[in-house]
Amino acid sequence: MRLNRIILTILTLTVLTLALTSPATAAGTRDCKKVYAALDTLVVEDNVEIGEAVGTINGAAYLRYDDTAPPVDPQSAPPNFVITTKQGNLNLWVYSETNLDGDGWWRYFEVLRYEGSGIYAKQRIILEIYGKCSAKEGSYEIEGMICPPVVLPPKR
């Protein structure tokens, strides 16, 4: 009896392991492209930074962000973080809490909405954007994935 329980437990764990690691489970991220870029910016006027993203995304970046304002409304406001590349644009609506640290502050941007053009059109964009900035410049890291859209099977 005890041997049957052990065998049943082993078989159950084996089936769960196979089910969770199957290619069908990984289909959500299988065709995704990893994104990593460093972004160095200069403050060109109050609440506006421009710079260059270098990495798996290369292009010019524009960030319009007021640390004292409430989050942008993604439905009515224009994007406040845009990365323009030769292949297309990444238009992002972002928000961050500000954490003061000595002569600057840390930002961890939450992407509220995204849109893309060119090769980024209709893609799922999952990005983490974080870094430190001061009154004169900023230095950010961009990490994540750009994935094809989820295709749902037709309803029967």
N, C-alpha and C. Protein backbone atom coordinates (compact mmCIF):
# COMPACT_ATOMS: atom_id res chain seq x y z
N MET A 1 0.81 -1.18 0.00
CA MET A 1 0.00 0.00 0.00
C MET A 1 0.87 1.27 0.00
N ARG A 2 1.87 1.25 0.85
CA ARG A 2 2.77 2.40 0.93
C ARG A 2 3.54 2.57 -0.38
N LEU A 3 3.94 1.48 -1.00
CA LEU A 3 4.64 1.54 -2.28
C LEU A 3 3.75 2.14 -3.36
N ASN A 4 2.47 1.83 -3.36
CA ASN A 4 1.54 2.40 -4.33
C ASN A 4 1.44 3.91 -4.19
N ARG A 5 1.43 4.43 -2.96
CA ARG A 5 1.37 5.87 -2.74
C ARG A 5 2.64 6.56 -3.24
N ILE A 6 3.76 5.94 -3.01
CA ILE A 6 5.03 6.50 -3.47
C ILE A 6 5.06 6.53 -5.00
N ILE A 7 4.67 5.46 -5.63
CA ILE A 7 4.65 5.39 -7.10
C ILE A 7 3.67 6.42 -7.65
N LEU A 8 2.48 6.53 -7.05
CA LEU A 8 1.48 7.50 -7.49
C LEU A 8 2.01 8.93 -7.35
N THR A 9 2.71 9.23 -6.27
CA THR A 9 3.28 10.56 -6.06
C THR A 9 4.34 10.85 -7.11
N ILE A 10 5.20 9.89 -7.39
CA ILE A 10 6.26 10.07 -8.40
C ILE A 10 5.64 10.28 -9.77
N LEU A 11 4.65 9.48 -10.13
CA LEU A 11 3.99 9.64 -11.43
C LEU A 11 3.29 10.99 -11.54
N THR A 12 2.65 11.43 -10.48
CA THR A 12 1.97 12.73 -10.50
C THR A 12 2.97 13.86 -10.70
N LEU A 13 4.08 13.82 -9.98
CA LEU A 13 5.11 14.84 -10.13
C LEU A 13 5.71 14.82 -11.53
N THR A 14 5.90 13.65 -12.09
CA THR A 14 6.45 13.52 -13.44
C THR A 14 5.50 14.15 -14.47
N VAL A 15 4.21 13.84 -14.35
CA VAL A 15 3.23 14.40 -15.28
C VAL A 15 3.18 15.92 -15.15
N LEU A 16 3.17 16.44 -13.93
CA LEU A 16 3.16 17.89 -13.74
C LEU A 16 4.41 18.54 -14.31
N THR A 17 5.55 17.94 -14.12
CA THR A 17 6.80 18.48 -14.66
C THR A 17 6.74 18.53 -16.18
N LEU A 18 6.29 17.46 -16.80
CA LEU A 18 6.19 17.44 -18.26
C LEU A 18 5.18 18.45 -18.76
N ALA A 19 4.07 18.59 -18.08
CA ALA A 19 3.04 19.53 -18.50
C ALA A 19 3.51 20.97 -18.39
N LEU A 20 4.20 21.29 -17.31
CA LEU A 20 4.63 22.67 -17.10
C LEU A 20 5.82 23.08 -17.95
N THR A 21 6.59 22.12 -18.43
CA THR A 21 7.77 22.46 -19.24
C THR A 21 7.56 22.15 -20.71
N SER A 22 6.36 21.86 -21.12
CA SER A 22 6.10 21.51 -22.51
C SER A 22 6.21 22.73 -23.41
N PRO A 23 6.47 22.53 -24.71
CA PRO A 23 6.54 23.66 -25.64
C PRO A 23 5.24 24.46 -25.71
N ALA A 24 4.10 23.81 -25.51
CA ALA A 24 2.83 24.54 -25.55
C ALA A 24 2.76 25.57 -24.42
N THR A 25 3.30 25.24 -23.27
CA THR A 25 3.30 26.18 -22.15
C THR A 25 4.23 27.35 -22.43
N ALA A 26 5.34 27.06 -23.09
CA ALA A 26 6.32 28.11 -23.38
C ALA A 26 5.95 28.94 -24.59
N ALA A 27 4.85 28.62 -25.27
CA ALA A 27 4.50 29.32 -26.51
C ALA A 27 4.30 30.81 -26.30
N GLY A 28 3.93 31.22 -25.10
CA GLY A 28 3.72 32.64 -24.84
C GLY A 28 4.98 33.47 -24.98
N THR A 29 6.16 32.91 -24.75
CA THR A 29 7.40 33.66 -24.85
C THR A 29 8.39 33.06 -25.84
N ARG A 30 7.99 32.02 -26.55
CA ARG A 30 8.92 31.32 -27.44
C ARG A 30 9.46 32.22 -28.55
N ASP A 31 8.62 33.04 -29.14
CA ASP A 31 9.04 33.86 -30.26
C ASP A 31 9.43 35.28 -29.86
N CYS A 32 9.57 35.51 -28.58
CA CYS A 32 9.91 36.84 -28.08
C CYS A 32 11.38 37.15 -28.32
N LYS A 33 11.64 38.44 -28.52
CA LYS A 33 13.02 38.91 -28.64
C LYS A 33 13.37 39.66 -27.36
N LYS A 34 14.50 39.28 -26.77
CA LYS A 34 14.94 39.96 -25.55
C LYS A 34 15.40 41.37 -25.89
N VAL A 35 15.13 42.26 -24.98
CA VAL A 35 15.51 43.66 -25.14
C VAL A 35 16.43 44.05 -23.99
N TYR A 36 17.53 44.67 -24.33
CA TYR A 36 18.39 45.28 -23.33
C TYR A 36 19.03 46.50 -23.97
N ALA A 37 18.93 47.62 -23.31
CA ALA A 37 19.56 48.83 -23.83
C ALA A 37 19.93 49.73 -22.66
N ALA A 38 21.00 50.48 -22.86
CA ALA A 38 21.40 51.51 -21.91
C ALA A 38 20.95 52.84 -22.50
N LEU A 39 20.41 53.69 -21.66
CA LEU A 39 19.91 54.98 -22.12
C LEU A 39 20.52 56.07 -21.26
N ASP A 40 21.32 56.93 -21.89
CA ASP A 40 21.88 58.08 -21.21
C ASP A 40 21.19 59.32 -21.75
N THR A 41 20.70 60.18 -20.84
CA THR A 41 19.94 61.35 -21.26
C THR A 41 20.54 62.63 -20.70
N LEU A 42 20.17 63.72 -21.34
CA LEU A 42 20.48 65.06 -20.86
C LEU A 42 19.17 65.79 -20.65
N VAL A 43 19.08 66.56 -19.57
CA VAL A 43 17.90 67.38 -19.33
C VAL A 43 18.05 68.62 -20.19
N VAL A 44 17.12 68.81 -21.14
CA VAL A 44 17.21 69.95 -22.06
C VAL A 44 16.31 71.10 -21.65
N GLU A 45 15.29 70.82 -20.87
CA GLU A 45 14.44 71.84 -20.27
C GLU A 45 13.71 71.18 -19.11
N ASP A 46 12.96 71.95 -18.36
CA ASP A 46 12.27 71.38 -17.20
C ASP A 46 11.43 70.18 -17.62
N ASN A 47 11.64 69.06 -16.95
CA ASN A 47 10.86 67.84 -17.15
C ASN A 47 11.04 67.17 -18.51
N VAL A 48 12.05 67.54 -19.27
CA VAL A 48 12.27 66.93 -20.59
C VAL A 48 13.72 66.44 -20.68
N GLU A 49 13.85 65.15 -21.02
CA GLU A 49 15.17 64.56 -21.23
C GLU A 49 15.22 63.97 -22.63
N ILE A 50 16.37 64.08 -23.28
CA ILE A 50 16.60 63.42 -24.56
C ILE A 50 17.90 62.65 -24.46
N GLY A 51 18.01 61.59 -25.25
CA GLY A 51 19.23 60.80 -25.20
C GLY A 51 19.23 59.72 -26.26
N GLU A 52 20.16 58.79 -26.10
CA GLU A 52 20.34 57.73 -27.06
C GLU A 52 20.27 56.37 -26.37
N ALA A 53 19.44 55.50 -26.89
CA ALA A 53 19.36 54.12 -26.41
C ALA A 53 20.32 53.29 -27.24
N VAL A 54 21.16 52.51 -26.56
CA VAL A 54 22.15 51.67 -27.24
C VAL A 54 22.04 50.25 -26.69
N GLY A 55 21.85 49.30 -27.58
CA GLY A 55 21.73 47.90 -27.19
C GLY A 55 20.98 47.14 -28.26
N THR A 56 20.06 46.28 -27.85
CA THR A 56 19.26 45.56 -28.83
C THR A 56 18.22 46.48 -29.46
N ILE A 57 17.98 47.63 -28.83
CA ILE A 57 17.21 48.71 -29.43
C ILE A 57 18.16 49.89 -29.50
N ASN A 58 18.34 50.43 -30.70
CA ASN A 58 19.22 51.58 -30.88
C ASN A 58 18.40 52.72 -31.46
N GLY A 59 18.43 53.85 -30.79
CA GLY A 59 17.68 54.98 -31.32
C GLY A 59 17.69 56.16 -30.37
N ALA A 60 16.97 57.19 -30.80
CA ALA A 60 16.86 58.40 -30.02
C ALA A 60 15.69 58.26 -29.04
N ALA A 61 15.86 58.81 -27.85
CA ALA A 61 14.82 58.71 -26.84
C ALA A 61 14.41 60.10 -26.37
N TYR A 62 13.12 60.22 -26.11
CA TYR A 62 12.53 61.46 -25.61
C TYR A 62 11.69 61.10 -24.40
N LEU A 63 11.98 61.74 -23.27
CA LEU A 63 11.24 61.49 -22.04
C LEU A 63 10.74 62.82 -21.50
N ARG A 64 9.43 62.94 -21.37
CA ARG A 64 8.80 64.12 -20.77
C ARG A 64 8.13 63.63 -19.49
N TYR A 65 8.72 64.02 -18.34
CA TYR A 65 8.24 63.46 -17.09
C TYR A 65 8.36 64.46 -15.96
N ASP A 66 7.26 64.67 -15.26
CA ASP A 66 7.23 65.57 -14.10
C ASP A 66 7.07 64.71 -12.85
N ASP A 67 8.08 64.70 -12.02
CA ASP A 67 8.06 63.86 -10.82
C ASP A 67 6.98 64.27 -9.82
N THR A 68 6.49 65.51 -9.90
CA THR A 68 5.49 65.96 -8.94
C THR A 68 4.06 65.80 -9.46
N ALA A 69 3.90 65.46 -10.72
CA ALA A 69 2.56 65.34 -11.32
C ALA A 69 1.99 63.94 -11.10
N PRO A 70 0.67 63.81 -11.17
CA PRO A 70 0.07 62.48 -11.10
C PRO A 70 0.38 61.70 -12.38
N PRO A 71 0.11 60.41 -12.42
CA PRO A 71 0.36 59.62 -13.63
C PRO A 71 -0.38 60.19 -14.84
N VAL A 72 0.22 60.06 -16.01
CA VAL A 72 -0.44 60.50 -17.24
C VAL A 72 -1.65 59.62 -17.50
N ASP A 73 -2.62 60.17 -18.20
CA ASP A 73 -3.79 59.39 -18.59
C ASP A 73 -3.50 58.79 -19.96
N PRO A 74 -3.28 57.48 -20.04
CA PRO A 74 -2.90 56.86 -21.31
C PRO A 74 -3.97 56.97 -22.40
N GLN A 75 -5.21 57.24 -22.00
CA GLN A 75 -6.29 57.33 -22.99
C GLN A 75 -6.36 58.70 -23.66
N SER A 76 -5.90 59.75 -22.95
CA SER A 76 -6.07 61.09 -23.52
C SER A 76 -4.76 61.84 -23.75
N ALA A 77 -3.70 61.48 -23.06
CA ALA A 77 -2.43 62.20 -23.18
C ALA A 77 -1.54 61.55 -24.24
N PRO A 78 -0.66 62.34 -24.86
CA PRO A 78 0.31 61.74 -25.78
C PRO A 78 1.34 60.92 -24.99
N PRO A 79 2.06 60.02 -25.64
CA PRO A 79 3.07 59.24 -24.91
C PRO A 79 4.13 60.16 -24.32
N ASN A 80 4.60 59.82 -23.13
CA ASN A 80 5.61 60.67 -22.50
C ASN A 80 7.01 60.06 -22.55
N PHE A 81 7.15 58.90 -23.20
CA PHE A 81 8.47 58.28 -23.39
C PHE A 81 8.45 57.65 -24.78
N VAL A 82 9.27 58.17 -25.68
CA VAL A 82 9.28 57.68 -27.06
C VAL A 82 10.71 57.31 -27.42
N ILE A 83 10.88 56.11 -27.98
CA ILE A 83 12.17 55.69 -28.52
C ILE A 83 11.97 55.53 -30.02
N THR A 84 12.72 56.31 -30.79
CA THR A 84 12.61 56.29 -32.24
C THR A 84 13.82 55.55 -32.82
N THR A 85 13.55 54.48 -33.57
CA THR A 85 14.61 53.71 -34.21
C THR A 85 14.40 53.72 -35.72
N LYS A 86 15.35 53.17 -36.46
CA LYS A 86 15.20 53.06 -37.90
C LYS A 86 14.07 52.10 -38.27
N GLN A 87 13.80 51.14 -37.38
CA GLN A 87 12.78 50.13 -37.66
C GLN A 87 11.38 50.55 -37.24
N GLY A 88 11.26 51.58 -36.41
CA GLY A 88 9.95 52.04 -35.94
C GLY A 88 10.06 52.73 -34.59
N ASN A 89 8.91 53.12 -34.07
CA ASN A 89 8.86 53.82 -32.79
C ASN A 89 8.27 52.93 -31.71
N LEU A 90 8.76 53.13 -30.49
CA LEU A 90 8.13 52.58 -29.29
C LEU A 90 7.55 53.78 -28.54
N ASN A 91 6.23 53.84 -28.47
CA ASN A 91 5.54 54.92 -27.78
C ASN A 91 5.05 54.36 -26.44
N LEU A 92 5.52 54.96 -25.36
CA LEU A 92 5.21 54.46 -24.02
C LEU A 92 4.59 55.56 -23.17
N TRP A 93 3.63 55.15 -22.38
CA TRP A 93 3.06 56.00 -21.35
C TRP A 93 3.58 55.44 -20.03
N VAL A 94 4.40 56.22 -19.32
CA VAL A 94 5.07 55.70 -18.14
C VAL A 94 4.79 56.56 -16.91
N TYR A 95 4.97 55.93 -15.75
CA TYR A 95 4.83 56.61 -14.46
C TYR A 95 5.86 56.01 -13.50
N SER A 96 6.38 56.86 -12.61
CA SER A 96 7.36 56.39 -11.65
C SER A 96 7.20 57.12 -10.33
N GLU A 97 7.41 56.37 -9.26
CA GLU A 97 7.58 56.99 -7.96
C GLU A 97 9.03 57.46 -7.90
N THR A 98 9.28 58.57 -7.25
CA THR A 98 10.63 59.11 -7.16
C THR A 98 11.21 58.80 -5.78
N ASN A 99 12.42 58.26 -5.78
CA ASN A 99 13.12 57.97 -4.53
C ASN A 99 14.41 58.78 -4.49
N LEU A 100 14.48 59.78 -3.61
CA LEU A 100 15.65 60.63 -3.51
C LEU A 100 16.85 59.85 -2.98
N ASP A 101 18.02 60.17 -3.55
CA ASP A 101 19.26 59.50 -3.15
C ASP A 101 20.42 60.46 -3.35
N GLY A 102 20.78 61.16 -2.31
CA GLY A 102 21.92 62.08 -2.39
C GLY A 102 21.67 63.21 -3.37
N ASP A 103 22.51 63.28 -4.41
CA ASP A 103 22.41 64.38 -5.37
C ASP A 103 21.47 64.07 -6.54
N GLY A 104 20.75 62.98 -6.50
CA GLY A 104 19.83 62.62 -7.57
C GLY A 104 18.67 61.82 -7.05
N TRP A 105 17.99 61.13 -7.92
CA TRP A 105 16.87 60.30 -7.51
C TRP A 105 16.75 59.10 -8.43
N TRP A 106 16.20 58.03 -7.87
CA TRP A 106 15.99 56.79 -8.61
C TRP A 106 14.58 56.77 -9.17
N ARG A 107 14.46 56.22 -10.37
CA ARG A 107 13.16 56.03 -11.00
C ARG A 107 13.03 54.58 -11.44
N TYR A 108 11.86 54.04 -11.23
CA TYR A 108 11.51 52.73 -11.79
C TYR A 108 10.18 52.95 -12.49
N PHE A 109 10.23 53.01 -13.83
CA PHE A 109 9.04 53.36 -14.59
C PHE A 109 8.10 52.17 -14.75
N GLU A 110 6.85 52.44 -14.49
CA GLU A 110 5.80 51.48 -14.78
C GLU A 110 5.21 51.87 -16.13
N VAL A 111 5.16 50.93 -17.06
CA VAL A 111 4.59 51.20 -18.37
C VAL A 111 3.07 51.04 -18.26
N LEU A 112 2.36 52.15 -18.42
CA LEU A 112 0.91 52.14 -18.31
C LEU A 112 0.24 51.71 -19.62
N ARG A 113 0.89 52.03 -20.73
CA ARG A 113 0.37 51.69 -22.06
C ARG A 113 1.53 51.74 -23.03
N TYR A 114 1.43 50.98 -24.10
CA TYR A 114 2.45 51.01 -25.14
C TYR A 114 1.80 50.88 -26.50
N GLU A 115 2.45 51.45 -27.49
CA GLU A 115 2.09 51.30 -28.89
C GLU A 115 3.38 51.27 -29.68
N GLY A 116 3.32 50.66 -30.82
CA GLY A 116 4.51 50.62 -31.66
C GLY A 116 4.16 50.91 -33.10
N SER A 117 5.17 51.31 -33.85
CA SER A 117 5.02 51.48 -35.30
C SER A 117 6.17 50.73 -35.96
N GLY A 118 6.08 50.54 -37.26
CA GLY A 118 7.11 49.78 -37.96
C GLY A 118 7.12 48.34 -37.49
N ILE A 119 8.30 47.81 -37.17
CA ILE A 119 8.38 46.41 -36.73
C ILE A 119 7.79 46.21 -35.34
N TYR A 120 7.54 47.30 -34.62
CA TYR A 120 6.97 47.20 -33.28
C TYR A 120 5.43 47.27 -33.29
N ALA A 121 4.84 47.48 -34.45
CA ALA A 121 3.38 47.58 -34.54
C ALA A 121 2.75 46.24 -34.15
N LYS A 122 1.70 46.31 -33.37
CA LYS A 122 0.91 45.16 -32.94
C LYS A 122 1.70 44.13 -32.13
N GLN A 123 2.84 44.50 -31.61
CA GLN A 123 3.65 43.59 -30.79
C GLN A 123 3.28 43.78 -29.32
N ARG A 124 3.51 42.73 -28.52
CA ARG A 124 3.39 42.84 -27.07
C ARG A 124 4.73 43.32 -26.56
N ILE A 125 4.72 44.43 -25.87
CA ILE A 125 5.96 45.04 -25.40
C ILE A 125 5.96 44.98 -23.87
N ILE A 126 6.95 44.27 -23.33
CA ILE A 126 7.06 44.09 -21.89
C ILE A 126 8.43 44.64 -21.49
N LEU A 127 8.43 45.82 -20.89
CA LEU A 127 9.70 46.47 -20.58
C LEU A 127 9.77 46.91 -19.12
N GLU A 128 10.98 46.84 -18.59
CA GLU A 128 11.30 47.43 -17.30
C GLU A 128 12.31 48.54 -17.58
N ILE A 129 12.02 49.72 -17.10
CA ILE A 129 12.88 50.87 -17.33
C ILE A 129 13.20 51.46 -15.96
N TYR A 130 14.47 51.54 -15.64
CA TYR A 130 14.87 52.02 -14.32
C TYR A 130 16.22 52.69 -14.40
N GLY A 131 16.48 53.56 -13.46
CA GLY A 131 17.78 54.22 -13.43
C GLY A 131 17.80 55.40 -12.49
N LYS A 132 18.90 56.13 -12.55
CA LYS A 132 19.11 57.27 -11.67
C LYS A 132 19.25 58.52 -12.52
N CYS A 133 18.71 59.62 -12.01
CA CYS A 133 18.83 60.87 -12.74
C CYS A 133 19.11 62.01 -11.76
N SER A 134 19.51 63.13 -12.34
CA SER A 134 19.77 64.33 -11.55
C SER A 134 19.11 65.49 -12.30
N ALA A 135 19.40 66.70 -11.86
CA ALA A 135 18.82 67.87 -12.52
C ALA A 135 19.43 68.10 -13.90
N LYS A 136 20.55 67.43 -14.21
CA LYS A 136 21.23 67.65 -15.49
C LYS A 136 21.20 66.46 -16.43
N GLU A 137 21.13 65.23 -15.89
CA GLU A 137 21.24 64.06 -16.75
C GLU A 137 20.57 62.85 -16.11
N GLY A 138 20.43 61.81 -16.92
CA GLY A 138 19.87 60.56 -16.42
C GLY A 138 20.60 59.38 -17.04
N SER A 139 20.56 58.27 -16.36
CA SER A 139 21.17 57.03 -16.85
C SER A 139 20.21 55.89 -16.51
N TYR A 140 19.66 55.25 -17.55
CA TYR A 140 18.62 54.25 -17.37
C TYR A 140 19.01 52.94 -18.05
N GLU A 141 18.40 51.89 -17.60
CA GLU A 141 18.52 50.57 -18.23
C GLU A 141 17.12 50.19 -18.71
N ILE A 142 17.07 49.58 -19.87
CA ILE A 142 15.81 49.10 -20.43
C ILE A 142 15.97 47.60 -20.65
N GLU A 143 15.10 46.82 -20.02
CA GLU A 143 15.14 45.37 -20.14
C GLU A 143 13.74 44.85 -20.39
N GLY A 144 13.65 43.75 -21.12
CA GLY A 144 12.34 43.14 -21.32
C GLY A 144 12.28 42.29 -22.56
N MET A 145 11.08 42.24 -23.13
CA MET A 145 10.84 41.41 -24.31
C MET A 145 9.87 42.12 -25.24
N ILE A 146 10.03 41.85 -26.51
CA ILE A 146 9.06 42.26 -27.52
C ILE A 146 8.59 40.97 -28.18
N CYS A 147 7.29 40.72 -28.08
CA CYS A 147 6.72 39.45 -28.49
C CYS A 147 5.65 39.66 -29.56
N PRO A 148 5.45 38.65 -30.40
CA PRO A 148 4.35 38.74 -31.36
C PRO A 148 3.02 38.76 -30.62
N PRO A 149 1.99 39.25 -31.28
CA PRO A 149 0.69 39.29 -30.60
C PRO A 149 0.19 37.89 -30.29
N VAL A 150 -0.63 37.80 -29.27
CA VAL A 150 -1.23 36.53 -28.91
C VAL A 150 -2.34 36.23 -29.91
N VAL A 151 -2.28 35.09 -30.54
CA VAL A 151 -3.31 34.68 -31.50
C VAL A 151 -4.19 33.66 -30.83
N LEU A 152 -5.44 34.03 -30.64
CA LEU A 152 -6.38 33.12 -30.00
C LEU A 152 -7.03 32.26 -31.06
N PRO A 153 -7.31 31.00 -30.72
CA PRO A 153 -7.99 30.14 -31.69
C PRO A 153 -9.41 30.65 -31.93
N PRO A 154 -9.93 30.41 -33.14
CA PRO A 154 -11.28 30.88 -33.44
C PRO A 154 -12.31 30.18 -32.53
N LYS A 155 -13.36 30.93 -32.22
CA LYS A 155 -14.43 30.36 -31.39
C LYS A 155 -15.24 29.39 -32.23
N ARG A 156 -15.71 28.34 -31.60
CA ARG A 156 -16.49 27.31 -32.32
C ARG A 156 -17.95 27.62 -32.27
